[in-house]
PDB file of all heavy atoms in Angstrom:
ATOM      1  N   GLU A   1    -241.377  20.658 -52.305  1.00  0.00           N
ATOM      2  CA  GLU A   1    -241.065  21.945 -51.675  1.00  0.00           C
ATOM      3  C   GLU A   1    -239.825  21.826 -50.793  1.00  0.00           C
ATOM      4  O   GLU A   1    -238.996  22.740 -50.765  1.00  0.00           O
ATOM      5  CB  GLU A   1    -242.263  22.456 -50.876  1.00  0.00           C
ATOM      6  CG  GLU A   1    -243.362  22.985 -51.766  1.00  0.00           C
ATOM      7  CD  GLU A   1    -244.567  23.516 -51.024  1.00  0.00           C
ATOM      8  OE1 GLU A   1    -244.758  23.186 -49.831  1.00  0.00           O
ATOM      9  OE2 GLU A   1    -245.343  24.257 -51.646  1.00  0.00           O
ATOM     10  N   GLU A   2    -239.691  20.706 -50.098  1.00  0.00           N
ATOM     11  CA  GLU A   2    -238.508  20.482 -49.266  1.00  0.00           C
ATOM     12  C   GLU A   2    -237.239  20.453 -50.123  1.00  0.00           C
ATOM     13  O   GLU A   2    -236.168  20.859 -49.681  1.00  0.00           O
ATOM     14  CB  GLU A   2    -238.644  19.168 -48.496  1.00  0.00           C
ATOM     15  CG  GLU A   2    -237.553  18.939 -47.478  1.00  0.00           C
ATOM     16  CD  GLU A   2    -237.813  17.708 -46.633  1.00  0.00           C
ATOM     17  OE1 GLU A   2    -238.913  17.589 -46.071  1.00  0.00           O
ATOM     18  OE2 GLU A   2    -236.898  16.875 -46.559  1.00  0.00           O
ATOM     19  N   ALA A   3    -237.378  20.002 -51.369  1.00  0.00           N
ATOM     20  CA  ALA A   3    -236.240  19.965 -52.296  1.00  0.00           C
ATOM     21  C   ALA A   3    -236.008  21.321 -52.971  1.00  0.00           C
ATOM     22  O   ALA A   3    -235.097  21.459 -53.786  1.00  0.00           O
ATOM     23  CB  ALA A   3    -236.470  18.883 -53.351  1.00  0.00           C
ATOM     24  N   GLY A   4    -236.849  22.309 -52.664  1.00  0.00           N
ATOM     25  CA  GLY A   4    -236.622  23.654 -53.171  1.00  0.00           C
ATOM     26  C   GLY A   4    -237.462  24.074 -54.358  1.00  0.00           C
ATOM     27  O   GLY A   4    -237.245  25.145 -54.926  1.00  0.00           O
ATOM     28  N   TYR A   5    -238.443  23.264 -54.734  1.00  0.00           N
ATOM     29  CA  TYR A   5    -239.296  23.601 -55.876  1.00  0.00           C
ATOM     30  C   TYR A   5    -240.533  24.358 -55.418  1.00  0.00           C
ATOM     31  O   TYR A   5    -241.001  24.195 -54.298  1.00  0.00           O
ATOM     32  CB  TYR A   5    -239.738  22.327 -56.608  1.00  0.00           C
ATOM     33  CG  TYR A   5    -238.593  21.542 -57.191  1.00  0.00           C
ATOM     34  CD1 TYR A   5    -238.211  20.324 -56.631  1.00  0.00           C
ATOM     35  CD2 TYR A   5    -237.888  22.009 -58.293  1.00  0.00           C
ATOM     36  CE1 TYR A   5    -237.151  19.592 -57.163  1.00  0.00           C
ATOM     37  CE2 TYR A   5    -236.830  21.282 -58.832  1.00  0.00           C
ATOM     38  CZ  TYR A   5    -236.468  20.076 -58.256  1.00  0.00           C
ATOM     39  OH  TYR A   5    -235.422  19.373 -58.779  1.00  0.00           O
ATOM     40  N   THR A   6    -241.088  25.161 -56.315  1.00  0.00           N
ATOM     41  CA  THR A   6    -242.397  25.763 -56.114  1.00  0.00           C
ATOM     42  C   THR A   6    -243.407  24.761 -56.669  1.00  0.00           C
ATOM     43  O   THR A   6    -243.197  24.209 -57.750  1.00  0.00           O
ATOM     44  CB  THR A   6    -242.509  27.090 -56.893  1.00  0.00           C
ATOM     45  OG1 THR A   6    -241.535  27.993 -56.376  1.00  0.00           O
ATOM     46  CG2 THR A   6    -243.894  27.693 -56.763  1.00  0.00           C
ATOM     47  N   VAL A   7    -244.489  24.527 -55.949  1.00  0.00           N
ATOM     48  CA  VAL A   7    -245.457  23.516 -56.366  1.00  0.00           C
ATOM     49  C   VAL A   7    -246.841  24.133 -56.493  1.00  0.00           C
ATOM     50  O   VAL A   7    -247.283  24.885 -55.622  1.00  0.00           O
ATOM     51  CB  VAL A   7    -245.503  22.348 -55.344  1.00  0.00           C
ATOM     52  CG1 VAL A   7    -246.531  21.299 -55.755  1.00  0.00           C
ATOM     53  CG2 VAL A   7    -244.119  21.712 -55.198  1.00  0.00           C
ATOM     54  N   VAL A   8    -247.496  23.821 -57.608  1.00  0.00           N
ATOM     55  CA  VAL A   8    -248.896  24.170 -57.794  1.00  0.00           C
ATOM     56  C   VAL A   8    -249.661  22.858 -57.928  1.00  0.00           C
ATOM     57  O   VAL A   8    -249.097  21.845 -58.364  1.00  0.00           O
ATOM     58  CB  VAL A   8    -249.133  25.103 -59.007  1.00  0.00           C
ATOM     59  CG1 VAL A   8    -248.539  26.470 -58.737  1.00  0.00           C
ATOM     60  CG2 VAL A   8    -248.574  24.523 -60.278  1.00  0.00           C
ATOM     61  N   LEU A   9    -250.921  22.871 -57.546  1.00  0.00           N
ATOM     62  CA  LEU A   9    -251.706  21.641 -57.485  1.00  0.00           C
ATOM     63  C   LEU A   9    -252.968  21.710 -58.340  1.00  0.00           C
ATOM     64  O   LEU A   9    -253.538  22.777 -58.531  1.00  0.00           O
ATOM     65  CB  LEU A   9    -252.121  21.364 -56.038  1.00  0.00           C
ATOM     66  CG  LEU A   9    -251.006  21.235 -55.006  1.00  0.00           C
ATOM     67  CD1 LEU A   9    -251.588  21.146 -53.606  1.00  0.00           C
ATOM     68  CD2 LEU A   9    -250.136  20.025 -55.309  1.00  0.00           C
ATOM     69  N   ALA A  10    -253.384  20.536 -58.821  1.00  0.00           N
ATOM     70  CA  ALA A  10    -254.677  20.379 -59.485  1.00  0.00           C
ATOM     71  C   ALA A  10    -255.208  19.007 -59.091  1.00  0.00           C
ATOM     72  O   ALA A  10    -254.430  18.082 -58.836  1.00  0.00           O
ATOM     73  CB  ALA A  10    -254.539  20.490 -60.996  1.00  0.00           C
ATOM     74  N   GLU A  11    -256.529  18.879 -59.048  1.00  0.00           N
ATOM     75  CA  GLU A  11    -257.098  17.615 -58.593  1.00  0.00           C
ATOM     76  C   GLU A  11    -257.712  16.769 -59.704  1.00  0.00           C
ATOM     77  O   GLU A  11    -258.245  15.705 -59.429  1.00  0.00           O
ATOM     78  CB  GLU A  11    -258.104  17.845 -57.475  1.00  0.00           C
ATOM     79  CG  GLU A  11    -259.271  18.728 -57.850  1.00  0.00           C
ATOM     80  CD  GLU A  11    -260.142  19.049 -56.647  1.00  0.00           C
ATOM     81  OE1 GLU A  11    -259.610  19.464 -55.609  1.00  0.00           O
ATOM     82  OE2 GLU A  11    -261.375  18.876 -56.784  1.00  0.00           O
ATOM     83  N   ASN A  12    -257.617  17.240 -60.953  1.00  0.00           N
ATOM     84  CA  ASN A  12    -258.142  16.441 -62.064  1.00  0.00           C
ATOM     85  C   ASN A  12    -257.538  16.933 -63.384  1.00  0.00           C
ATOM     86  O   ASN A  12    -256.800  17.923 -63.406  1.00  0.00           O
ATOM     87  CB  ASN A  12    -259.682  16.507 -62.096  1.00  0.00           C
ATOM     88  CG  ASN A  12    -260.194  17.928 -62.198  1.00  0.00           C
ATOM     89  OD1 ASN A  12    -259.719  18.728 -62.999  1.00  0.00           O
ATOM     90  ND2 ASN A  12    -261.180  18.255 -61.376  1.00  0.00           N
ATOM     91  N   GLY A  13    -257.854  16.237 -64.457  1.00  0.00           N
ATOM     92  CA  GLY A  13    -257.295  16.572 -65.757  1.00  0.00           C
ATOM     93  C   GLY A  13    -257.666  17.955 -66.250  1.00  0.00           C
ATOM     94  O   GLY A  13    -256.842  18.662 -66.828  1.00  0.00           O
ATOM     95  N   HIS A  14    -258.907  18.362 -66.022  1.00  0.00           N
ATOM     96  CA  HIS A  14    -259.328  19.709 -66.430  1.00  0.00           C
ATOM     97  C   HIS A  14    -258.522  20.763 -65.684  1.00  0.00           C
ATOM     98  O   HIS A  14    -258.077  21.759 -66.265  1.00  0.00           O
ATOM     99  CB  HIS A  14    -260.827  19.914 -66.195  1.00  0.00           C
ATOM    100  CG  HIS A  14    -261.695  19.037 -67.035  1.00  0.00           C
ATOM    101  ND1 HIS A  14    -261.807  19.186 -68.402  1.00  0.00           N
ATOM    102  CD2 HIS A  14    -262.492  17.984 -66.706  1.00  0.00           C
ATOM    103  CE1 HIS A  14    -262.626  18.259 -68.878  1.00  0.00           C
ATOM    104  NE2 HIS A  14    -263.044  17.518 -67.875  1.00  0.00           N
ATOM    105  N   GLY A  15    -258.346  20.536 -64.383  1.00  0.00           N
ATOM    106  CA  GLY A  15    -257.551  21.466 -63.579  1.00  0.00           C
ATOM    107  C   GLY A  15    -256.105  21.503 -64.032  1.00  0.00           C
ATOM    108  O   GLY A  15    -255.463  22.560 -64.005  1.00  0.00           O
ATOM    109  N   ALA A  16    -255.583  20.359 -64.446  1.00  0.00           N
ATOM    110  CA  ALA A  16    -254.198  20.297 -64.928  1.00  0.00           C
ATOM    111  C   ALA A  16    -254.007  21.192 -66.146  1.00  0.00           C
ATOM    112  O   ALA A  16    -253.031  21.940 -66.235  1.00  0.00           O
ATOM    113  CB  ALA A  16    -253.831  18.848 -65.280  1.00  0.00           C
ATOM    114  N   ILE A  17    -254.930  21.123 -67.069  1.00  0.00           N
ATOM    115  CA  ILE A  17    -254.833  21.934 -68.292  1.00  0.00           C
ATOM    116  C   ILE A  17    -254.928  23.418 -67.944  1.00  0.00           C
ATOM    117  O   ILE A  17    -254.134  24.234 -68.421  1.00  0.00           O
ATOM    118  CB  ILE A  17    -255.933  21.514 -69.295  1.00  0.00           C
ATOM    119  CG1 ILE A  17    -255.691  20.076 -69.749  1.00  0.00           C
ATOM    120  CG2 ILE A  17    -255.986  22.483 -70.476  1.00  0.00           C
ATOM    121  CD1 ILE A  17    -256.901  19.412 -70.384  1.00  0.00           C
ATOM    122  N   THR A  18    -255.886  23.767 -67.094  1.00  0.00           N
ATOM    123  CA  THR A  18    -256.063  25.158 -66.681  1.00  0.00           C
ATOM    124  C   THR A  18    -254.821  25.687 -65.984  1.00  0.00           C
ATOM    125  O   THR A  18    -254.332  26.778 -66.299  1.00  0.00           O
ATOM    126  CB  THR A  18    -257.287  25.284 -65.748  1.00  0.00           C
ATOM    127  OG1 THR A  18    -258.445  24.850 -66.461  1.00  0.00           O
ATOM    128  CG2 THR A  18    -257.473  26.709 -65.261  1.00  0.00           C
ATOM    129  N   ARG A  19    -254.284  24.898 -65.025  1.00  0.00           N
ATOM    130  CA  ARG A  19    -253.100  25.344 -64.278  1.00  0.00           C
ATOM    131  C   ARG A  19    -251.873  25.405 -65.184  1.00  0.00           C
ATOM    132  O   ARG A  19    -251.038  26.293 -65.051  1.00  0.00           O
ATOM    133  CB  ARG A  19    -252.813  24.416 -63.089  1.00  0.00           C
ATOM    134  CG  ARG A  19    -253.837  24.426 -61.969  1.00  0.00           C
ATOM    135  CD  ARG A  19    -254.080  25.780 -61.316  1.00  0.00           C
ATOM    136  NE  ARG A  19    -252.934  26.397 -60.716  1.00  0.00           N
ATOM    137  CZ  ARG A  19    -252.765  26.600 -59.418  1.00  0.00           C
ATOM    138  NH1 ARG A  19    -253.661  26.174 -58.551  1.00  0.00           N
ATOM    139  NH2 ARG A  19    -251.694  27.240 -58.973  1.00  0.00           N
ATOM    140  N   ALA A  20    -251.753  24.457 -66.109  1.00  0.00           N
ATOM    141  CA  ALA A  20    -250.601  24.479 -67.022  1.00  0.00           C
ATOM    142  C   ALA A  20    -250.623  25.749 -67.863  1.00  0.00           C
ATOM    143  O   ALA A  20    -249.583  26.395 -68.045  1.00  0.00           O
ATOM    144  CB  ALA A  20    -250.608  23.238 -67.914  1.00  0.00           C
ATOM    145  N   ARG A  21    -251.787  26.118 -68.341  1.00  0.00           N
ATOM    146  CA  ARG A  21    -251.898  27.330 -69.165  1.00  0.00           C
ATOM    147  C   ARG A  21    -251.665  28.598 -68.343  1.00  0.00           C
ATOM    148  O   ARG A  21    -251.040  29.545 -68.818  1.00  0.00           O
ATOM    149  CB  ARG A  21    -253.270  27.379 -69.829  1.00  0.00           C
ATOM    150  CG  ARG A  21    -253.416  26.359 -70.942  1.00  0.00           C
ATOM    151  CD  ARG A  21    -254.810  26.338 -71.533  1.00  0.00           C
ATOM    152  NE  ARG A  21    -254.872  25.435 -72.680  1.00  0.00           N
ATOM    153  CZ  ARG A  21    -255.973  24.803 -73.071  1.00  0.00           C
ATOM    154  NH1 ARG A  21    -257.119  24.990 -72.425  1.00  0.00           N
ATOM    155  NH2 ARG A  21    -255.937  24.003 -74.107  1.00  0.00           N
ATOM    156  N   ALA A  22    -252.159  28.620 -67.120  1.00  0.00           N
ATOM    157  CA  ALA A  22    -252.058  29.814 -66.281  1.00  0.00           C
ATOM    158  C   ALA A  22    -250.684  29.962 -65.625  1.00  0.00           C
ATOM    159  O   ALA A  22    -250.143  31.058 -65.546  1.00  0.00           O
ATOM    160  CB  ALA A  22    -253.136  29.781 -65.202  1.00  0.00           C
ATOM    161  N   ASP A  23    -250.131  28.851 -65.138  1.00  0.00           N
ATOM    162  CA  ASP A  23    -248.912  28.910 -64.333  1.00  0.00           C
ATOM    163  C   ASP A  23    -247.634  28.564 -65.081  1.00  0.00           C
ATOM    164  O   ASP A  23    -246.548  28.820 -64.566  1.00  0.00           O
ATOM    165  CB  ASP A  23    -249.036  27.980 -63.120  1.00  0.00           C
ATOM    166  CG  ASP A  23    -250.121  28.425 -62.165  1.00  0.00           C
ATOM    167  OD1 ASP A  23    -250.153  29.612 -61.813  1.00  0.00           O
ATOM    168  OD2 ASP A  23    -250.955  27.577 -61.775  1.00  0.00           O
ATOM    169  N   ARG A  24    -247.766  27.967 -66.268  1.00  0.00           N
ATOM    170  CA  ARG A  24    -246.595  27.573 -67.069  1.00  0.00           C
ATOM    171  C   ARG A  24    -245.527  26.858 -66.220  1.00  0.00           C
ATOM    172  O   ARG A  24    -244.399  27.338 -66.089  1.00  0.00           O
ATOM    173  CB  ARG A  24    -245.978  28.783 -67.761  1.00  0.00           C
ATOM    174  CG  ARG A  24    -246.930  29.547 -68.649  1.00  0.00           C
ATOM    175  CD  ARG A  24    -247.368  28.679 -69.846  1.00  0.00           C
ATOM    176  NE  ARG A  24    -248.480  29.276 -70.538  1.00  0.00           N
ATOM    177  CZ  ARG A  24    -248.390  29.943 -71.681  1.00  0.00           C
ATOM    178  NH1 ARG A  24    -247.247  30.049 -72.290  1.00  0.00           N
ATOM    179  NH2 ARG A  24    -249.464  30.461 -72.236  1.00  0.00           N
ATOM    180  N   PRO A  25    -245.884  25.705 -65.648  1.00  0.00           N
ATOM    181  CA  PRO A  25    -244.901  24.993 -64.824  1.00  0.00           C
ATOM    182  C   PRO A  25    -243.749  24.462 -65.680  1.00  0.00           C
ATOM    183  O   PRO A  25    -243.867  24.357 -66.901  1.00  0.00           O
ATOM    184  CB  PRO A  25    -245.716  23.843 -64.228  1.00  0.00           C
ATOM    185  CG  PRO A  25    -246.786  23.591 -65.239  1.00  0.00           C
ATOM    186  CD  PRO A  25    -247.130  24.959 -65.778  1.00  0.00           C
ATOM    187  N   ASP A  26    -242.658  24.136 -65.016  1.00  0.00           N
ATOM    188  CA  ASP A  26    -241.494  23.587 -65.699  1.00  0.00           C
ATOM    189  C   ASP A  26    -241.617  22.080 -65.902  1.00  0.00           C
ATOM    190  O   ASP A  26    -240.914  21.496 -66.737  1.00  0.00           O
ATOM    191  CB  ASP A  26    -240.235  23.899 -64.888  1.00  0.00           C
ATOM    192  CG  ASP A  26    -240.030  25.400 -64.759  1.00  0.00           C
ATOM    193  OD1 ASP A  26    -239.733  26.035 -65.785  1.00  0.00           O
ATOM    194  OD2 ASP A  26    -240.193  25.932 -63.649  1.00  0.00           O
ATOM    195  N   CYS A  27    -242.500  21.446 -65.137  1.00  0.00           N
ATOM    196  CA  CYS A  27    -242.707  20.000 -65.218  1.00  0.00           C
ATOM    197  C   CYS A  27    -244.090  19.687 -64.647  1.00  0.00           C
ATOM    198  O   CYS A  27    -244.556  20.383 -63.740  1.00  0.00           O
ATOM    199  CB  CYS A  27    -241.618  19.290 -64.405  1.00  0.00           C
ATOM    200  SG  CYS A  27    -241.680  17.483 -64.434  1.00  0.00           S
ATOM    201  N   ILE A  28    -244.721  18.645 -65.171  1.00  0.00           N
ATOM    202  CA  ILE A  28    -246.030  18.206 -64.678  1.00  0.00           C
ATOM    203  C   ILE A  28    -245.921  16.747 -64.253  1.00  0.00           C
ATOM    204  O   ILE A  28    -245.428  15.904 -65.004  1.00  0.00           O
ATOM    205  CB  ILE A  28    -247.120  18.355 -65.759  1.00  0.00           C
ATOM    206  CG1 ILE A  28    -247.261  19.821 -66.184  1.00  0.00           C
ATOM    207  CG2 ILE A  28    -248.462  17.796 -65.257  1.00  0.00           C
ATOM    208  CD1 ILE A  28    -248.156  20.046 -67.396  1.00  0.00           C
ATOM    209  N   LEU A  29    -246.396  16.453 -63.045  1.00  0.00           N
ATOM    210  CA  LEU A  29    -246.496  15.086 -62.530  1.00  0.00           C
ATOM    211  C   LEU A  29    -247.983  14.804 -62.378  1.00  0.00           C
ATOM    212  O   LEU A  29    -248.669  15.466 -61.595  1.00  0.00           O
ATOM    213  CB  LEU A  29    -245.792  14.973 -61.175  1.00  0.00           C
ATOM    214  CG  LEU A  29    -244.335  15.421 -61.139  1.00  0.00           C
ATOM    215  CD1 LEU A  29    -243.826  15.444 -59.706  1.00  0.00           C
ATOM    216  CD2 LEU A  29    -243.482  14.517 -62.008  1.00  0.00           C
ATOM    217  N   MET A  30    -248.507  13.828 -63.152  1.00  0.00           N
ATOM    218  CA  MET A  30    -249.960  13.655 -63.217  1.00  0.00           C
ATOM    219  C   MET A  30    -250.366  12.190 -63.122  1.00  0.00           C
ATOM    220  O   MET A  30    -249.857  11.340 -63.857  1.00  0.00           O
ATOM    221  CB  MET A  30    -250.472  14.261 -64.525  1.00  0.00           C
ATOM    222  CG  MET A  30    -251.965  14.171 -64.700  1.00  0.00           C
ATOM    223  SD  MET A  30    -252.626  15.269 -65.983  1.00  0.00           S
ATOM    224  CE  MET A  30    -251.416  15.260 -67.280  1.00  0.00           C
ATOM    225  N   ASP A  31    -251.309  11.927 -62.234  1.00  0.00           N
ATOM    226  CA  ASP A  31    -251.882  10.590 -62.113  1.00  0.00           C
ATOM    227  C   ASP A  31    -252.620  10.240 -63.399  1.00  0.00           C
ATOM    228  O   ASP A  31    -253.167  11.122 -64.071  1.00  0.00           O
ATOM    229  CB  ASP A  31    -252.853  10.567 -60.924  1.00  0.00           C
ATOM    230  CG  ASP A  31    -253.355   9.178 -60.591  1.00  0.00           C
ATOM    231  OD1 ASP A  31    -252.657   8.189 -60.889  1.00  0.00           O
ATOM    232  OD2 ASP A  31    -254.458   9.076 -60.029  1.00  0.00           O
ATOM    233  N   ILE A  32    -252.629   8.966 -63.740  1.00  0.00           N
ATOM    234  CA  ILE A  32    -253.362   8.532 -64.936  1.00  0.00           C
ATOM    235  C   ILE A  32    -254.846   8.371 -64.627  1.00  0.00           C
ATOM    236  O   ILE A  32    -255.697   8.889 -65.335  1.00  0.00           O
ATOM    237  CB  ILE A  32    -252.792   7.215 -65.494  1.00  0.00           C
ATOM    238  CG1 ILE A  32    -251.403   7.449 -66.093  1.00  0.00           C
ATOM    239  CG2 ILE A  32    -253.734   6.634 -66.559  1.00  0.00           C
ATOM    240  CD1 ILE A  32    -250.708   6.192 -66.586  1.00  0.00           C
ATOM    241  N   MET A  33    -255.153   7.645 -63.561  1.00  0.00           N
ATOM    242  CA  MET A  33    -256.543   7.305 -63.259  1.00  0.00           C
ATOM    243  C   MET A  33    -257.209   8.396 -62.434  1.00  0.00           C
ATOM    244  O   MET A  33    -257.014   8.491 -61.226  1.00  0.00           O
ATOM    245  CB  MET A  33    -256.605   5.971 -62.506  1.00  0.00           C
ATOM    246  CG  MET A  33    -256.029   4.800 -63.300  1.00  0.00           C
ATOM    247  SD  MET A  33    -256.755   4.572 -64.927  1.00  0.00           S
ATOM    248  CE  MET A  33    -258.414   4.151 -64.518  1.00  0.00           C
ATOM    249  N   MET A  34    -257.985   9.253 -63.124  1.00  0.00           N
ATOM    250  CA  MET A  34    -258.746  10.312 -62.469  1.00  0.00           C
ATOM    251  C   MET A  34    -260.124  10.369 -63.106  1.00  0.00           C
ATOM    252  O   MET A  34    -260.273  10.032 -64.279  1.00  0.00           O
ATOM    253  CB  MET A  34    -258.040  11.670 -62.638  1.00  0.00           C
ATOM    254  CG  MET A  34    -256.694  11.761 -61.962  1.00  0.00           C
ATOM    255  SD  MET A  34    -255.947  13.398 -62.115  1.00  0.00           S
ATOM    256  CE  MET A  34    -255.549  13.445 -63.866  1.00  0.00           C
ATOM    257  N   PRO A  35    -261.125  10.798 -62.336  1.00  0.00           N
ATOM    258  CA  PRO A  35    -262.471  10.917 -62.913  1.00  0.00           C
ATOM    259  C   PRO A  35    -262.547  12.034 -63.947  1.00  0.00           C
ATOM    260  O   PRO A  35    -261.708  12.923 -63.966  1.00  0.00           O
ATOM    261  CB  PRO A  35    -263.350  11.219 -61.699  1.00  0.00           C
ATOM    262  CG  PRO A  35    -262.427  11.744 -60.657  1.00  0.00           C
ATOM    263  CD  PRO A  35    -261.071  11.157 -60.931  1.00  0.00           C
ATOM    264  N   ASP A  36    -263.541  11.962 -64.786  1.00  0.00           N
ATOM    265  CA  ASP A  36    -263.826  12.950 -65.834  1.00  0.00           C
ATOM    266  C   ASP A  36    -262.780  12.919 -66.943  1.00  0.00           C
ATOM    267  O   ASP A  36    -263.013  12.350 -67.982  1.00  0.00           O
ATOM    268  CB  ASP A  36    -263.978  14.362 -65.273  1.00  0.00           C
ATOM    269  CG  ASP A  36    -265.147  14.486 -64.319  1.00  0.00           C
ATOM    270  OD1 ASP A  36    -266.162  13.798 -64.544  1.00  0.00           O
ATOM    271  OD2 ASP A  36    -265.045  15.252 -63.354  1.00  0.00           O
ATOM    272  N   LEU A  37    -261.631  13.543 -66.725  1.00  0.00           N
ATOM    273  CA  LEU A  37    -260.583  13.604 -67.738  1.00  0.00           C
ATOM    274  C   LEU A  37    -259.330  12.962 -67.146  1.00  0.00           C
ATOM    275  O   LEU A  37    -258.721  13.507 -66.236  1.00  0.00           O
ATOM    276  CB  LEU A  37    -260.307  15.069 -68.121  1.00  0.00           C
ATOM    277  CG  LEU A  37    -259.395  15.306 -69.311  1.00  0.00           C
ATOM    278  CD1 LEU A  37    -260.050  14.821 -70.604  1.00  0.00           C
ATOM    279  CD2 LEU A  37    -259.052  16.778 -69.428  1.00  0.00           C
ATOM    280  N   ASP A  38    -258.970  11.776 -67.658  1.00  0.00           N
ATOM    281  CA  ASP A  38    -257.834  11.069 -67.074  1.00  0.00           C
ATOM    282  C   ASP A  38    -256.504  11.680 -67.521  1.00  0.00           C
ATOM    283  O   ASP A  38    -256.454  12.605 -68.338  1.00  0.00           O
ATOM    284  CB  ASP A  38    -257.900   9.573 -67.368  1.00  0.00           C
ATOM    285  CG  ASP A  38    -257.727   9.214 -68.834  1.00  0.00           C
ATOM    286  OD1 ASP A  38    -257.179  10.015 -69.613  1.00  0.00           O
ATOM    287  OD2 ASP A  38    -258.127   8.092 -69.210  1.00  0.00           O
ATOM    288  N   GLY A  39    -255.417  11.164 -66.968  1.00  0.00           N
ATOM    289  CA  GLY A  39    -254.098  11.688 -67.266  1.00  0.00           C
ATOM    290  C   GLY A  39    -253.711  11.571 -68.723  1.00  0.00           C
ATOM    291  O   GLY A  39    -253.035  12.453 -69.267  1.00  0.00           O
ATOM    292  N   TYR A  40    -254.118  10.476 -69.371  1.00  0.00           N
ATOM    293  CA  TYR A  40    -253.810  10.318 -70.797  1.00  0.00           C
ATOM    294  C   TYR A  40    -254.439  11.443 -71.620  1.00  0.00           C
ATOM    295  O   TYR A  40    -253.793  12.060 -72.453  1.00  0.00           O
ATOM    296  CB  TYR A  40    -254.361   8.996 -71.335  1.00  0.00           C
ATOM    297  CG  TYR A  40    -253.752   7.737 -70.798  1.00  0.00           C
ATOM    298  CD1 TYR A  40    -254.565   6.773 -70.204  1.00  0.00           C
ATOM    299  CD2 TYR A  40    -252.392   7.469 -70.920  1.00  0.00           C
ATOM    300  CE1 TYR A  40    -254.033   5.579 -69.741  1.00  0.00           C
ATOM    301  CE2 TYR A  40    -251.855   6.278 -70.456  1.00  0.00           C
ATOM    302  CZ  TYR A  40    -252.685   5.334 -69.865  1.00  0.00           C
ATOM    303  OH  TYR A  40    -252.165   4.156 -69.406  1.00  0.00           O
ATOM    304  N   ASP A  41    -255.731  11.669 -71.376  1.00  0.00           N
ATOM    305  CA  ASP A  41    -256.449  12.678 -72.162  1.00  0.00           C
ATOM    306  C   ASP A  41    -255.953  14.088 -71.852  1.00  0.00           C
ATOM    307  O   ASP A  41    -255.815  14.916 -72.753  1.00  0.00           O
ATOM    308  CB  ASP A  41    -257.960  12.575 -71.923  1.00  0.00           C
ATOM    309  CG  ASP A  41    -258.547  11.290 -72.501  1.00  0.00           C
ATOM    310  OD1 ASP A  41    -257.917  10.694 -73.394  1.00  0.00           O
ATOM    311  OD2 ASP A  41    -259.627  10.878 -72.045  1.00  0.00           O
ATOM    312  N   ALA A  42    -255.662  14.354 -70.577  1.00  0.00           N
ATOM    313  CA  ALA A  42    -255.138  15.669 -70.215  1.00  0.00           C
ATOM    314  C   ALA A  42    -253.771  15.883 -70.868  1.00  0.00           C
ATOM    315  O   ALA A  42    -253.484  16.971 -71.380  1.00  0.00           O
ATOM    316  CB  ALA A  42    -255.043  15.806 -68.699  1.00  0.00           C
ATOM    317  N   CYS A  43    -252.936  14.857 -70.883  1.00  0.00           N
ATOM    318  CA  CYS A  43    -251.622  14.958 -71.523  1.00  0.00           C
ATOM    319  C   CYS A  43    -251.778  15.224 -73.017  1.00  0.00           C
ATOM    320  O   CYS A  43    -251.058  16.054 -73.584  1.00  0.00           O
ATOM    321  CB  CYS A  43    -250.815  13.679 -71.280  1.00  0.00           C
ATOM    322  SG  CYS A  43    -249.115  13.753 -71.883  1.00  0.00           S
ATOM    323  N   THR A  44    -252.723  14.557 -73.649  1.00  0.00           N
ATOM    324  CA  THR A  44    -252.979  14.767 -75.073  1.00  0.00           C
ATOM    325  C   THR A  44    -253.335  16.225 -75.352  1.00  0.00           C
ATOM    326  O   THR A  44    -252.823  16.829 -76.302  1.00  0.00           O
ATOM    327  CB  THR A  44    -254.115  13.842 -75.560  1.00  0.00           C
ATOM    328  OG1 THR A  44    -253.706  12.478 -75.358  1.00  0.00           O
ATOM    329  CG2 THR A  44    -254.443  14.065 -77.019  1.00  0.00           C
ATOM    330  N   VAL A  45    -254.197  16.815 -74.522  1.00  0.00           N
ATOM    331  CA  VAL A  45    -254.599  18.206 -74.693  1.00  0.00           C
ATOM    332  C   VAL A  45    -253.400  19.131 -74.475  1.00  0.00           C
ATOM    333  O   VAL A  45    -253.170  20.070 -75.245  1.00  0.00           O
ATOM    334  CB  VAL A  45    -255.761  18.578 -73.737  1.00  0.00           C
ATOM    335  CG1 VAL A  45    -256.038  20.069 -73.766  1.00  0.00           C
ATOM    336  CG2 VAL A  45    -257.010  17.781 -74.092  1.00  0.00           C
ATOM    337  N   ILE A  46    -252.614  18.865 -73.442  1.00  0.00           N
ATOM    338  CA  ILE A  46    -251.438  19.695 -73.147  1.00  0.00           C
ATOM    339  C   ILE A  46    -250.459  19.650 -74.314  1.00  0.00           C
ATOM    340  O   ILE A  46    -249.948  20.678 -74.762  1.00  0.00           O
ATOM    341  CB  ILE A  46    -250.779  19.248 -71.825  1.00  0.00           C
ATOM    342  CG1 ILE A  46    -251.681  19.630 -70.648  1.00  0.00           C
ATOM    343  CG2 ILE A  46    -249.368  19.831 -71.680  1.00  0.00           C
ATOM    344  CD1 ILE A  46    -251.335  18.975 -69.328  1.00  0.00           C
TER     345      ILE A  46
END
């Protein structure tokens, strides 16, 4: 945000997919190791 970007947040892989579909971000930065659906699997779905 300090660099001028708008930021949306998610706390897990499921949230990442939901937010990506709803908010259509220009870029996604995602941790790999998360409970339930990890970054690899969320990236695969995206």
